[in-house]
Protein backbone atom coordinates (compact mmCIF):
# COMPACT_ATOMS: atom_id res chain seq x y z
CA MET A 1 117.94 57.76 112.91
CA ASN A 2 115.83 60.69 111.65
CA LYS A 3 114.13 62.87 114.24
CA GLU A 4 110.35 62.48 114.24
CA ARG A 5 108.57 65.41 112.61
CA SER A 6 106.37 67.53 114.90
CA SER A 7 102.69 68.15 114.16
CA THR A 8 103.58 71.79 113.44
CA ALA A 9 106.09 70.73 110.77
CA VAL A 10 103.58 68.34 109.22
CA GLU A 11 100.93 71.07 109.23
CA SER A 12 103.28 73.52 107.52
CA ILE A 13 104.23 71.04 104.78
CA LEU A 14 100.60 70.14 104.08
CA ILE A 15 99.64 73.82 103.82
CA GLN A 16 102.46 74.42 101.37
CA ARG A 17 101.36 71.46 99.27
CA ILE A 18 97.77 72.75 99.20
CA THR A 19 98.76 76.31 98.25
CA GLN A 20 101.18 75.03 95.61
CA GLY A 21 98.48 72.85 94.06
CA VAL A 22 100.03 69.51 94.95
CA TYR A 23 96.76 68.75 96.72
CA GLN A 24 93.68 70.07 94.91
CA ALA A 25 90.32 71.08 96.38
CA GLY A 26 88.12 68.02 96.72
CA GLN A 27 91.06 65.62 96.74
CA LEU A 28 91.32 62.95 99.42
CA LEU A 29 94.52 62.86 101.45
CA SER A 30 96.24 59.59 102.19
CA SER A 31 95.15 57.70 105.28
CA GLU A 32 96.61 58.64 108.66
CA ARG A 33 98.67 55.45 108.55
CA ASP A 34 100.14 56.29 105.14
CA LEU A 35 100.76 59.92 106.06
CA ALA A 36 102.53 58.80 109.23
CA ALA A 37 104.79 56.55 107.18
CA SER A 38 105.39 59.30 104.60
CA PHE A 39 106.35 61.85 107.26
CA SER A 40 108.24 59.35 109.43
CA THR A 41 106.12 60.20 112.44
CA SER A 42 103.31 58.77 114.53
CA ARG A 43 99.60 58.59 113.67
CA ALA A 44 98.91 60.70 116.78
CA THR A 45 101.12 63.46 115.38
CA ILE A 46 99.36 63.28 112.00
CA ARG A 47 95.95 63.36 113.69
CA GLU A 48 96.94 66.48 115.67
CA ALA A 49 98.09 68.25 112.50
CA LEU A 50 94.94 67.29 110.59
CA GLN A 51 92.70 68.51 113.40
CA ARG A 52 94.39 71.92 113.35
CA LEU A 53 94.09 72.08 109.57
CA GLN A 54 90.38 71.35 109.88
CA ARG A 55 90.01 74.06 112.52
CA ASP A 56 91.70 76.55 110.21
CA GLY A 57 89.59 75.69 107.16
CA TRP A 58 92.08 73.69 105.10
CA LEU A 59 90.56 70.24 105.44
CA THR A 60 87.36 68.42 106.30
CA ILE A 61 87.91 65.33 108.42
CA GLN A 62 85.54 62.49 107.59
CA ASP A 63 84.54 59.67 109.90
CA ARG A 64 86.55 56.54 109.09
CA GLN A 65 87.74 58.04 105.78
CA PRO A 66 90.74 60.13 104.69
CA ALA A 67 90.44 63.91 105.12
CA ILE A 68 89.29 65.90 102.10
CA VAL A 69 91.04 69.08 100.92
CA ASN A 70 88.84 72.19 101.09
CA ASP A 71 88.65 75.02 98.58
CA TYR A 72 90.33 77.32 101.08
CA TRP A 73 89.28 80.55 99.34
CA LYS A 74 85.64 79.55 99.73
CA GLN A 75 85.66 77.39 102.86
CA GLY A 76 88.47 78.98 104.85
CA ASN A 77 88.35 81.29 107.86
CA ILE A 78 90.57 83.75 109.71
CA GLY A 79 92.92 80.89 110.58
CA THR A 80 93.33 80.19 106.87
CA LEU A 81 94.32 83.80 106.25
CA VAL A 82 96.91 83.73 109.01
CA ASP A 83 98.37 80.52 107.59
CA LEU A 84 98.42 82.02 104.09
CA ALA A 85 100.35 85.01 105.40
CA ARG A 86 102.95 82.63 106.84
CA HIS A 87 103.14 79.99 104.12
CA GLY A 88 101.46 81.26 100.95
CA ASN A 89 102.29 83.63 98.10
CA SER A 90 102.75 86.74 100.23
CA ASP A 91 102.87 89.21 97.31
CA PHE A 92 99.55 87.94 96.01
CA LEU A 93 98.02 88.02 99.50
CA ILE A 94 99.35 91.50 100.26
CA SER A 95 97.56 92.91 97.22
CA HIS A 96 94.26 91.57 98.55
CA LEU A 97 94.96 92.75 102.09
CA LEU A 98 95.69 96.25 100.82
CA GLU A 99 92.40 96.22 98.96
CA LEU A 100 90.64 95.16 102.17
CA ARG A 101 92.30 98.08 104.00
CA ILE A 102 90.44 100.50 101.74
CA VAL A 103 87.25 99.41 103.50
CA LEU A 104 88.50 98.81 107.05
CA VAL A 105 91.05 101.52 107.85
CA PRO A 106 88.91 104.60 107.06
CA ALA A 107 86.19 103.22 109.33
CA TYR A 108 88.36 102.69 112.39
CA VAL A 109 90.31 105.95 111.92
CA LYS A 110 87.02 107.87 111.77
CA ASP A 111 85.81 106.16 114.95
CA ALA A 112 89.14 106.72 116.71
CA ILE A 113 89.09 110.47 116.02
CA HIS A 114 85.42 110.77 116.92
CA LEU A 115 85.83 108.92 120.21
CA HIS A 116 89.36 109.85 121.31
CA ARG A 117 90.57 112.87 119.35
CA ALA A 118 93.24 113.97 121.85
CA ARG A 119 94.81 110.51 122.01
CA ALA A 120 94.67 110.20 118.22
CA ILE A 121 96.48 113.55 117.91
CA ALA A 122 99.21 112.35 120.30
CA ILE A 123 99.71 109.14 118.29
CA LEU A 124 99.79 110.91 114.92
CA SER A 125 102.17 113.61 116.17
CA ASP A 126 104.89 110.98 116.52
CA PHE A 127 105.32 110.98 112.71
CA GLU A 128 107.74 113.88 113.22
CA THR A 129 110.21 111.46 114.81
CA ILE A 130 110.38 109.21 111.71
CA THR A 131 113.80 109.02 110.09
CA ASP A 132 114.07 108.83 106.30
CA GLU A 133 114.43 105.04 106.26
CA ALA A 134 112.06 102.29 105.17
CA GLU A 135 112.21 100.50 108.52
CA SER A 136 111.39 103.66 110.46
CA TYR A 137 108.35 104.38 108.29
CA ALA A 138 107.18 100.77 108.41
CA THR A 139 107.46 100.62 112.21
CA PHE A 140 105.61 103.91 112.66
CA ASP A 141 102.87 103.01 110.21
CA TRP A 142 102.28 99.65 111.92
CA HIS A 143 102.14 101.32 115.34
CA LEU A 144 99.77 103.96 113.99
CA GLN A 145 97.39 101.38 112.52
CA LYS A 146 97.28 99.34 115.73
CA GLN A 147 96.80 102.30 118.05
CA LEU A 148 94.03 103.87 115.97
CA ALA A 149 92.31 100.50 115.63
CA MET A 150 92.45 100.16 119.41
CA LEU A 151 90.92 103.62 119.89
CA SER A 152 87.98 102.69 117.65
CA GLN A 153 86.74 100.39 120.44
CA ASN A 154 85.88 97.62 117.98
CA PRO A 155 88.17 94.76 119.10
CA LEU A 156 87.83 92.90 115.79
CA TYR A 157 89.90 95.52 113.96
CA LEU A 158 92.88 94.93 116.23
CA LEU A 159 92.49 91.16 116.09
CA LEU A 160 92.63 91.29 112.30
CA LEU A 161 95.71 93.50 112.31
CA ASN A 162 97.51 91.32 114.84
CA SER A 163 96.91 88.31 112.60
CA PHE A 164 98.98 89.85 109.81
CA GLU A 165 101.81 91.58 111.63
CA ASP A 166 104.61 89.68 109.88
CA VAL A 167 103.24 90.12 106.37
CA TYR A 168 102.28 93.76 107.05
CA LEU A 169 105.79 94.71 108.15
CA LYS A 170 107.28 92.88 105.19
CA MET A 171 104.98 94.74 102.81
CA ALA A 172 105.55 98.09 104.54
CA GLN A 173 109.35 97.89 104.37
CA HIS A 174 109.15 96.99 100.70
CA TYR A 175 106.71 99.84 100.05
CA PHE A 176 108.66 102.45 102.02
CA ALA A 177 111.94 101.51 100.35
CA ASP A 178 110.83 103.95 97.62
CA ALA A 179 111.73 107.53 98.61
CA GLN A 180 108.67 108.91 96.81
CA HIS A 181 106.41 106.63 98.85
CA ARG A 182 108.00 107.93 102.04
CA TYR A 183 107.48 111.53 100.94
CA THR A 184 103.85 110.92 99.96
CA SER A 185 103.17 109.14 103.24
CA ARG A 186 104.66 111.97 105.26
CA GLU A 187 102.32 114.39 103.48
CA TYR A 188 99.43 112.04 104.27
CA TYR A 189 100.33 111.94 107.99
CA GLU A 190 100.48 115.75 108.07
CA LYS A 191 97.05 116.11 106.45
CA LEU A 192 95.56 113.46 108.69
CA LEU A 193 96.95 115.17 111.79
CA GLU A 194 95.46 118.49 110.65
CA ALA A 195 92.04 116.87 110.19
CA CYS A 196 92.43 115.41 113.65
CA PHE A 197 93.26 118.82 115.14
CA GLN A 198 90.12 120.19 113.46
CA GLY A 199 88.06 117.33 114.87
CA ASP A 200 86.89 116.53 111.34
CA ALA A 201 86.46 112.76 111.47
CA GLU A 202 84.66 112.72 108.10
CA GLU A 203 87.54 114.52 106.36
CA ALA A 204 89.97 112.11 108.02
CA GLU A 205 87.94 109.21 106.69
CA ILE A 206 88.19 110.61 103.15
CA LEU A 207 91.95 111.22 103.46
CA VAL A 208 92.56 107.68 104.71
CA ARG A 209 90.46 106.08 101.98
CA GLU A 210 92.32 108.01 99.28
CA ALA A 211 95.69 107.06 100.81
CA MET A 212 94.71 103.38 101.06
CA GLN A 213 93.54 103.35 97.45
CA LYS A 214 96.78 104.96 96.30
CA SER A 215 98.99 102.52 98.22
CA TRP A 216 97.01 99.58 96.81
CA MET A 217 97.44 100.81 93.24
CA LEU A 218 101.16 101.44 93.78
CA TRP A 219 101.64 97.96 95.23
CA ARG A 220 99.73 96.37 92.36
CA GLY A 221 102.07 98.09 89.96
CA VAL A 222 105.12 96.70 91.78
CA TYR A 223 103.59 93.20 92.01
CA GLU A 224 102.43 93.04 88.39
CA GLU A 225 105.86 94.12 87.15
CA SER A 226 107.44 91.24 89.08
CA ILE A 227 105.34 88.45 87.56
């Protein structure tokens, strides 16, 4: 006898079907009864999965009718993004996340240096302990982003970062596998630390924006070559 699927497993499969185009925006899903039969599980399990998918922007549950599939790019929310990072086309998503960083990261780095320069200096100084390995750079860069976001005192920055930890680390290790990227990043950390020592938050903002733009363009080149 097959083990009954959990609501989490059902949710994951439905997300994959939506992102892969099996279910299109505007399409009606099967009834709870039919879905339960299809997944070899109970209607209560299906209902739980559908309710979470509605919460995260994937579906709209209708009274006494099958749920309707949303256009998740237009009707989704932060929950949709987190699910996409786990289940979707991560290379495609990473490109968009890197583009978003061009706007977000300079802002919270500027605020962090303006509000807590000494602590920002201490965090940045740790770049000298990085070994010449992709994992070491990825781990440091992730720690740096989170700590500076925390120092900015806007809690939304950290919440956004925490939502994409898995995909960020995956992207960072891929990015830092290139020795030239590691060298360029080390130069960037040095320049950013110097701006921090000088207390020049505006110069730091410029340096970060340029670095984020460069990393986005480099990633796009890698992604476009692979498709």
